[in-house]
Every structure is written in C-alpha cells, then in structure tokens.
Amino acid sequence: MPPDWGGVDAVGTVAPFYLKPGSVEELVAFYKPIAAACAPLPFYAYHIPSMTGINLPMIDFLKNGSKEIPNLNGIKFTSNNFMEMIECIRFDGGRFDILNGFDEMLLCGMAVGARGGVGSTYNYSLRTYQNIYDAFMAGDLEQARAAQQESVDIVHVIINHGGGITTKYGHLQRSAVQPGQWIKRGSGLGYVLSLIHI
C-alpha cells in the first residue's frame, strides 16, 4: 500500500463491463489484485448489473471471494434483487457490509438489513438520506417513507432531464466546496433547489 492514502477509509471498484467475467471465479480473479493493491484497506465489490450486464450470484461471490480476498469487506449492492441482498447480508453470520446502492430504494435495502447506502444523489441531497436513515433507525416508518419519496422525486427529476452530471449538478443552488478541496465524510457538496416542484 502506498504510504499515504490521504484519509481513504475503503476502496471499491466496479466489475469490467466490456470484457465481462463469465463466472463467479472470473469475477473474484478480477477483483483479487485490486483488493491486494489497496490492502489493508477494506475492499468493496460494486455490484450494478443494470450498468455492467454482469448478473452473477453475489452470494457465491462472497463465498468464493472471502477465501481469496482477505480484505473483502462487502458489496455496494445496486440491484433490486432484495432476495439476493438479504442472502448476502445474512451470509456467514452477517460478516460482510452490504450497502444499498439504488438511491431511490435505500429504505427497501435497510428493511432487509443493509446498514447504510452509497448513492450519487447523496452528494447533493445528503439531508434527504440522513432523514431516511434516522427515521428508520428510530422506528418511524412513516417519516422514513416520506423522506424516501423525496429521494424518488429527486431521481425522477434527474431521469426527466436526461441524467448525467449536467442534470445532477446543474440543479445546485450553489456549491459548498472548491475543486481539489478535501472534505470530511458526511459533508455536503452543495445546496439544492427544491427539485420536487421543478
């Protein structure tokens, strides 16, 4: 590992989506040298079959990967296959950190046991997702659902305006950071206009 990772807490990577692995063993073989290069940092596999076209059984990935990748810490699970997600969450006594990936489904992921999530819209609407998390943890499902609906509305705006960086960050009222600035985990990157009524 390089001597200074600049405060990096973990490393994750998406599977190759051009020359795709055709088996769980090939997927493990792809991730293994990347995880080794960043060890001892925790390593996360990024499972997003809608983008990569790779829809291998992630429970089998955990079974095989845990033998080959010592610093395998979990999966960013960006799929709506919650049956598979709960299998991964419960595997080996809950040893792995399975993070929900679809922003608009954070509450669903938490309901099956995800301890948190990683999403692109968290970057500019962190309060929405903090509200989902806090309400769920407090047992206030009605408030959690209301906050999740706010997330759904934000995602609809992004979809209806073509998606991508221009759509996502073009709706910022103002940026809270400068290019190259280091920020602390949980800090907001900007301030959002009311996206629900656009």
C-alpha atoms as a PDB file:
ATOM      1  CA  MET A   1       0.000   0.000   0.000  1.00  0.00           C
ATOM      2  CA  PRO A   2       1.290   3.498  -0.743  1.00  0.00           C
ATOM      3  CA  PRO A   3       2.416   5.292   2.430  1.00  0.00           C
ATOM      4  CA  ASP A   4      -0.325   7.941   2.340  1.00  0.00           C
ATOM      5  CA  TRP A   5      -3.834   7.257   1.104  1.00  0.00           C
ATOM      6  CA  GLY A   6      -4.968  10.733   2.197  1.00  0.00           C
ATOM      7  CA  GLY A   7      -7.600   9.606   4.677  1.00  0.00           C
ATOM      8  CA  VAL A   8      -9.173   6.957   2.434  1.00  0.00           C
ATOM      9  CA  ASP A   9     -11.314   4.589   4.511  1.00  0.00           C
ATOM     10  CA  ALA A  10     -12.025   1.885   1.920  1.00  0.00           C
ATOM     11  CA  VAL A  11     -11.719   1.099  -1.779  1.00  0.00           C
ATOM     12  CA  GLY A  12     -14.357  -0.216  -4.137  1.00  0.00           C
ATOM     13  CA  THR A  13     -14.459  -0.951  -7.813  1.00  0.00           C
ATOM     14  CA  VAL A  14     -16.990  -1.938 -10.417  1.00  0.00           C
ATOM     15  CA  ALA A  15     -16.538  -5.104 -12.475  1.00  0.00           C
ATOM     16  CA  PRO A  16     -15.351  -4.734 -16.062  1.00  0.00           C
ATOM     17  CA  PHE A  17     -18.293  -4.276 -18.393  1.00  0.00           C
ATOM     18  CA  TYR A  18     -16.563  -4.625 -21.745  1.00  0.00           C
ATOM     19  CA  LEU A  19     -14.713  -7.917 -21.340  1.00  0.00           C
ATOM     20  CA  LYS A  20     -17.143  -9.310 -18.778  1.00  0.00           C
ATOM     21  CA  PRO A  21     -16.341 -12.094 -16.355  1.00  0.00           C
ATOM     22  CA  GLY A  22     -18.453 -15.118 -17.237  1.00  0.00           C
ATOM     23  CA  SER A  23     -18.287 -16.832 -13.857  1.00  0.00           C
ATOM     24  CA  VAL A  24     -18.001 -16.041 -10.181  1.00  0.00           C
ATOM     25  CA  GLU A  25     -14.437 -17.397 -10.269  1.00  0.00           C
ATOM     26  CA  GLU A  26     -13.516 -14.927 -13.021  1.00  0.00           C
ATOM     27  CA  LEU A  27     -15.126 -12.091 -11.052  1.00  0.00           C
ATOM     28  CA  VAL A  28     -13.093 -12.998  -7.968  1.00  0.00           C
ATOM     29  CA  ALA A  29      -9.948 -13.201 -10.118  1.00  0.00           C
ATOM     30  CA  PHE A  30     -10.654  -9.700 -11.456  1.00  0.00           C
ATOM     31  CA  TYR A  31     -11.132  -8.130  -8.011  1.00  0.00           C
ATOM     32  CA  LYS A  32      -8.308 -10.002  -6.226  1.00  0.00           C
ATOM     33  CA  PRO A  33      -5.292  -7.964  -7.473  1.00  0.00           C
ATOM     34  CA  ILE A  34      -7.141  -4.669  -6.992  1.00  0.00           C
ATOM     35  CA  ALA A  35      -8.007  -5.576  -3.406  1.00  0.00           C
ATOM     36  CA  ALA A  36      -4.433  -6.745  -2.796  1.00  0.00           C
ATOM     37  CA  ALA A  37      -3.053  -3.437  -4.082  1.00  0.00           C
ATOM     38  CA  CYS A  38      -5.091  -1.464  -1.558  1.00  0.00           C
ATOM     39  CA  ALA A  39      -4.708  -3.842   1.408  1.00  0.00           C
ATOM     40  CA  PRO A  40      -5.049  -3.486   4.319  1.00  0.00           C
ATOM     41  CA  LEU A  41      -7.853  -1.052   3.443  1.00  0.00           C
ATOM     42  CA  PRO A  42     -11.293  -2.682   3.335  1.00  0.00           C
ATOM     43  CA  PHE A  43     -12.369  -3.621  -0.192  1.00  0.00           C
ATOM     44  CA  TYR A  44     -15.898  -3.437  -1.614  1.00  0.00           C
ATOM     45  CA  ALA A  45     -17.126  -5.032  -4.822  1.00  0.00           C
ATOM     46  CA  TYR A  46     -19.529  -2.779  -6.710  1.00  0.00           C
ATOM     47  CA  HIS A  47     -22.460  -4.867  -7.989  1.00  0.00           C
ATOM     48  CA  ILE A  48     -24.506  -2.918 -10.552  1.00  0.00           C
ATOM     49  CA  PRO A  49     -25.870  -5.378 -13.133  1.00  0.00           C
ATOM     50  CA  SER A  50     -28.050  -2.761 -14.864  1.00  0.00           C
ATOM     51  CA  MET A  51     -24.864  -0.946 -15.950  1.00  0.00           C
ATOM     52  CA  THR A  52     -22.322  -3.760 -16.294  1.00  0.00           C
ATOM     53  CA  GLY A  53     -24.558  -6.506 -17.671  1.00  0.00           C
ATOM     54  CA  ILE A  54     -22.933  -8.843 -15.131  1.00  0.00           C
ATOM     55  CA  ASN A  55     -25.548 -10.568 -13.006  1.00  0.00           C
ATOM     56  CA  LEU A  56     -23.628 -13.321 -11.284  1.00  0.00           C
ATOM     57  CA  PRO A  57     -24.841 -14.644  -7.907  1.00  0.00           C
ATOM     58  CA  MET A  58     -23.267 -12.352  -5.334  1.00  0.00           C
ATOM     59  CA  ILE A  59     -23.806 -14.841  -2.521  1.00  0.00           C
ATOM     60  CA  ASP A  60     -21.443 -17.160  -4.428  1.00  0.00           C
ATOM     61  CA  PHE A  61     -19.072 -14.235  -4.915  1.00  0.00           C
ATOM     62  CA  LEU A  62     -18.948 -13.750  -1.124  1.00  0.00           C
ATOM     63  CA  LYS A  63     -18.401 -17.471  -0.546  1.00  0.00           C
ATOM     64  CA  ASN A  64     -15.543 -17.673  -3.046  1.00  0.00           C
ATOM     65  CA  GLY A  65     -14.207 -14.145  -2.605  1.00  0.00           C
ATOM     66  CA  SER A  66     -13.899 -14.458   1.162  1.00  0.00           C
ATOM     67  CA  LYS A  67     -11.379 -17.284   0.610  1.00  0.00           C
ATOM     68  CA  GLU A  68      -9.316 -15.359  -1.960  1.00  0.00           C
ATOM     69  CA  ILE A  69      -9.572 -11.705  -0.888  1.00  0.00           C
ATOM     70  CA  PRO A  70      -8.558 -11.226   2.765  1.00  0.00           C
ATOM     71  CA  ASN A  71      -9.684  -7.577   2.908  1.00  0.00           C
ATOM     72  CA  LEU A  72     -13.068  -8.181   1.233  1.00  0.00           C
ATOM     73  CA  ASN A  73     -15.368  -6.122   3.425  1.00  0.00           C
ATOM     74  CA  GLY A  74     -18.609  -6.121   1.470  1.00  0.00           C
ATOM     75  CA  ILE A  75     -20.603  -5.158  -1.577  1.00  0.00           C
ATOM     76  CA  LYS A  76     -22.191  -1.977  -2.832  1.00  0.00           C
ATOM     77  CA  PHE A  77     -25.354  -3.784  -3.892  1.00  0.00           C
ATOM     78  CA  THR A  78     -27.034  -1.803  -6.671  1.00  0.00           C
ATOM     79  CA  SER A  79     -29.769  -4.212  -7.679  1.00  0.00           C
ATOM     80  CA  ASN A  80     -33.431  -4.541  -6.828  1.00  0.00           C
ATOM     81  CA  ASN A  81     -32.992  -8.272  -6.149  1.00  0.00           C
ATOM     82  CA  PHE A  82     -33.678  -7.986  -2.434  1.00  0.00           C
ATOM     83  CA  MET A  83     -33.880 -11.757  -2.061  1.00  0.00           C
ATOM     84  CA  GLU A  84     -30.223 -11.979  -3.095  1.00  0.00           C
ATOM     85  CA  MET A  85     -29.351  -8.931  -0.991  1.00  0.00           C
ATOM     86  CA  ILE A  86     -30.720 -10.484   2.203  1.00  0.00           C
ATOM     87  CA  GLU A  87     -28.802 -13.703   1.483  1.00  0.00           C
ATOM     88  CA  CYS A  88     -25.605 -11.650   1.242  1.00  0.00           C
ATOM     89  CA  ILE A  89     -26.458  -9.707   4.409  1.00  0.00           C
ATOM     90  CA  ARG A  90     -27.065 -12.895   6.401  1.00  0.00           C
ATOM     91  CA  PHE A  91     -24.131 -14.858   4.956  1.00  0.00           C
ATOM     92  CA  ASP A  92     -21.526 -16.012   7.475  1.00  0.00           C
ATOM     93  CA  GLY A  93     -23.368 -14.501  10.423  1.00  0.00           C
ATOM     94  CA  GLY A  94     -23.596 -11.036   8.870  1.00  0.00           C
ATOM     95  CA  ARG A  95     -19.835 -10.751   8.480  1.00  0.00           C
ATOM     96  CA  PHE A  96     -19.965  -8.578   5.351  1.00  0.00           C
ATOM     97  CA  ASP A  97     -21.082  -4.979   4.990  1.00  0.00           C
ATOM     98  CA  ILE A  98     -23.732  -4.971   2.261  1.00  0.00           C
ATOM     99  CA  LEU A  99     -24.525  -1.379   1.312  1.00  0.00           C
ATOM    100  CA  ASN A 100     -27.651  -0.396  -0.590  1.00  0.00           C
ATOM    101  CA  GLY A 101     -26.828   1.137  -3.966  1.00  0.00           C
ATOM    102  CA  PHE A 102     -30.037   2.422  -5.546  1.00  0.00           C
ATOM    103  CA  ASP A 103     -30.699   5.851  -4.009  1.00  0.00           C
ATOM    104  CA  GLU A 104     -34.449   5.581  -4.545  1.00  0.00           C
ATOM    105  CA  MET A 105     -34.512   2.218  -2.713  1.00  0.00           C
ATOM    106  CA  LEU A 106     -32.469   2.954   0.428  1.00  0.00           C
ATOM    107  CA  LEU A 107     -35.421   2.258   2.717  1.00  0.00           C
ATOM    108  CA  CYS A 108     -36.037  -1.107   0.991  1.00  0.00           C
ATOM    109  CA  GLY A 109     -32.398  -2.078   1.470  1.00  0.00           C
ATOM    110  CA  MET A 110     -32.427  -1.059   5.119  1.00  0.00           C
ATOM    111  CA  ALA A 111     -35.638  -3.048   5.662  1.00  0.00           C
ATOM    112  CA  VAL A 112     -33.810  -6.250   4.655  1.00  0.00           C
ATOM    113  CA  GLY A 113     -30.761  -5.386   6.760  1.00  0.00           C
ATOM    114  CA  ALA A 114     -28.429  -3.074   4.826  1.00  0.00           C
ATOM    115  CA  ARG A 115     -26.565  -0.939   7.367  1.00  0.00           C
ATOM    116  CA  GLY A 116     -26.360   2.011   5.026  1.00  0.00           C
ATOM    117  CA  GLY A 117     -26.010   3.001   1.432  1.00  0.00           C
ATOM    118  CA  VAL A 118     -23.839   4.703  -1.142  1.00  0.00           C
ATOM    119  CA  GLY A 119     -25.547   6.796  -3.768  1.00  0.00           C
ATOM    120  CA  SER A 120     -24.772   9.532  -6.240  1.00  0.00           C
ATOM    121  CA  THR A 121     -27.597  11.838  -5.159  1.00  0.00           C
ATOM    122  CA  TYR A 122     -26.300  11.690  -1.579  1.00  0.00           C
ATOM    123  CA  ASN A 123     -23.642  14.126  -2.799  1.00  0.00           C
ATOM    124  CA  TYR A 124     -26.089  16.976  -3.093  1.00  0.00           C
ATOM    125  CA  SER A 125     -29.097  15.895  -1.049  1.00  0.00           C
ATOM    126  CA  LEU A 126     -27.446  14.299   1.956  1.00  0.00           C
ATOM    127  CA  ARG A 127     -30.122  15.563   4.338  1.00  0.00           C
ATOM    128  CA  THR A 128     -32.766  13.503   2.465  1.00  0.00           C
ATOM    129  CA  TYR A 129     -30.833  10.291   3.023  1.00  0.00           C
ATOM    130  CA  GLN A 130     -29.871  11.169   6.576  1.00  0.00           C
ATOM    131  CA  ASN A 131     -33.591  11.654   7.253  1.00  0.00           C
ATOM    132  CA  ILE A 132     -34.392   8.214   5.792  1.00  0.00           C
ATOM    133  CA  TYR A 133     -31.679   6.608   7.905  1.00  0.00           C
ATOM    134  CA  ASP A 134     -32.539   8.451  11.120  1.00  0.00           C
ATOM    135  CA  ALA A 135     -36.292   7.833  10.801  1.00  0.00           C
ATOM    136  CA  PHE A 136     -35.779   4.146  10.047  1.00  0.00           C
ATOM    137  CA  MET A 137     -33.403   3.723  12.989  1.00  0.00           C
ATOM    138  CA  ALA A 138     -35.952   5.481  15.254  1.00  0.00           C
ATOM    139  CA  GLY A 139     -38.707   3.143  14.040  1.00  0.00           C
ATOM    140  CA  ASP A 140     -40.650   5.974  12.386  1.00  0.00           C
ATOM    141  CA  LEU A 141     -41.552   4.251   9.119  1.00  0.00           C
ATOM    142  CA  GLU A 142     -43.989   6.945   8.031  1.00  0.00           C
ATOM    143  CA  GLN A 143     -41.278   9.612   8.209  1.00  0.00           C
ATOM    144  CA  ALA A 144     -38.800   7.262   6.547  1.00  0.00           C
ATOM    145  CA  ARG A 145     -41.277   6.679   3.696  1.00  0.00           C
ATOM    146  CA  ALA A 146     -41.831  10.421   3.299  1.00  0.00           C
ATOM    147  CA  ALA A 147     -38.091  11.036   3.061  1.00  0.00           C
ATOM    148  CA  GLN A 148     -37.737   8.132   0.621  1.00  0.00           C
ATOM    149  CA  GLN A 149     -40.453   9.709  -1.549  1.00  0.00           C
ATOM    150  CA  GLU A 150     -38.369  12.893  -1.607  1.00  0.00           C
ATOM    151  CA  SER A 151     -35.489  10.784  -2.946  1.00  0.00           C
ATOM    152  CA  VAL A 152     -37.765   9.251  -5.582  1.00  0.00           C
ATOM    153  CA  ASP A 153     -38.841  12.745  -6.655  1.00  0.00           C
ATOM    154  CA  ILE A 154     -35.191  13.825  -6.972  1.00  0.00           C
ATOM    155  CA  VAL A 155     -34.364  10.767  -9.079  1.00  0.00           C
ATOM    156  CA  HIS A 156     -37.383  11.457 -11.313  1.00  0.00           C
ATOM    157  CA  VAL A 157     -36.081  14.975 -11.993  1.00  0.00           C
ATOM    158  CA  ILE A 158     -32.705  13.529 -12.973  1.00  0.00           C
ATOM    159  CA  ILE A 159     -34.300  10.962 -15.292  1.00  0.00           C
ATOM    160  CA  ASN A 160     -36.691  13.504 -16.824  1.00  0.00           C
ATOM    161  CA  HIS A 161     -33.787  15.846 -17.613  1.00  0.00           C
ATOM    162  CA  GLY A 162     -31.562  13.283 -19.307  1.00  0.00           C
ATOM    163  CA  GLY A 163     -29.486  12.155 -16.327  1.00  0.00           C
ATOM    164  CA  GLY A 164     -25.760  12.587 -16.052  1.00  0.00           C
ATOM    165  CA  ILE A 165     -23.550  15.114 -14.300  1.00  0.00           C
ATOM    166  CA  THR A 166     -25.030  18.153 -16.033  1.00  0.00           C
ATOM    167  CA  THR A 167     -28.517  17.235 -14.860  1.00  0.00           C
ATOM    168  CA  LYS A 168     -27.478  16.297 -11.346  1.00  0.00           C
ATOM    169  CA  TYR A 169     -25.208  19.212 -10.561  1.00  0.00           C
ATOM    170  CA  GLY A 170     -26.984  21.741 -12.773  1.00  0.00           C
ATOM    171  CA  HIS A 171     -29.744  21.858 -10.140  1.00  0.00           C
ATOM    172  CA  LEU A 172     -27.403  23.007  -7.384  1.00  0.00           C
ATOM    173  CA  GLN A 173     -28.236  26.368  -5.922  1.00  0.00           C
ATOM    174  CA  ARG A 174     -24.575  26.765  -5.016  1.00  0.00           C
ATOM    175  CA  SER A 175     -21.524  24.636  -4.423  1.00  0.00           C
ATOM    176  CA  ALA A 176     -20.178  24.191  -0.893  1.00  0.00           C
ATOM    177  CA  VAL A 177     -16.678  23.095  -1.928  1.00  0.00           C
ATOM    178  CA  GLN A 178     -13.884  24.167  -4.230  1.00  0.00           C
ATOM    179  CA  PRO A 179     -12.110  21.938  -6.777  1.00  0.00           C
ATOM    180  CA  GLY A 180      -9.372  19.929  -5.067  1.00  0.00           C
ATOM    181  CA  GLN A 181     -10.666  20.694  -1.558  1.00  0.00           C
ATOM    182  CA  TRP A 182     -10.553  17.822   0.958  1.00  0.00           C
ATOM    183  CA  ILE A 183     -13.835  17.274   2.761  1.00  0.00           C
ATOM    184  CA  LYS A 184     -14.869  15.183   5.733  1.00  0.00           C
ATOM    185  CA  ARG A 185     -17.156  12.205   5.379  1.00  0.00           C
ATOM    186  CA  GLY A 186     -20.794  13.300   5.579  1.00  0.00           C
ATOM    187  CA  SER A 187     -20.120  16.858   4.444  1.00  0.00           C
ATOM    188  CA  GLY A 188     -22.445  18.217   1.805  1.00  0.00           C
ATOM    189  CA  LEU A 189     -21.029  19.200  -1.567  1.00  0.00           C
ATOM    190  CA  GLY A 190     -23.637  21.818  -2.369  1.00  0.00           C
ATOM    191  CA  TYR A 191     -27.086  23.208  -1.777  1.00  0.00           C
ATOM    192  CA  VAL A 192     -30.057  22.013  -3.801  1.00  0.00           C
ATOM    193  CA  LEU A 193     -33.014  23.994  -5.039  1.00  0.00           C
ATOM    194  CA  SER A 194     -36.421  22.440  -4.458  1.00  0.00           C
ATOM    195  CA  LEU A 195     -36.296  19.667  -7.043  1.00  0.00           C
ATOM    196  CA  ILE A 196     -39.760  18.357  -6.237  1.00  0.00           C
ATOM    197  CA  HIS A 197     -41.536  21.266  -7.921  1.00  0.00           C
ATOM    198  CA  ILE A 198     -39.335  21.751 -10.999  1.00  0.00           C
END
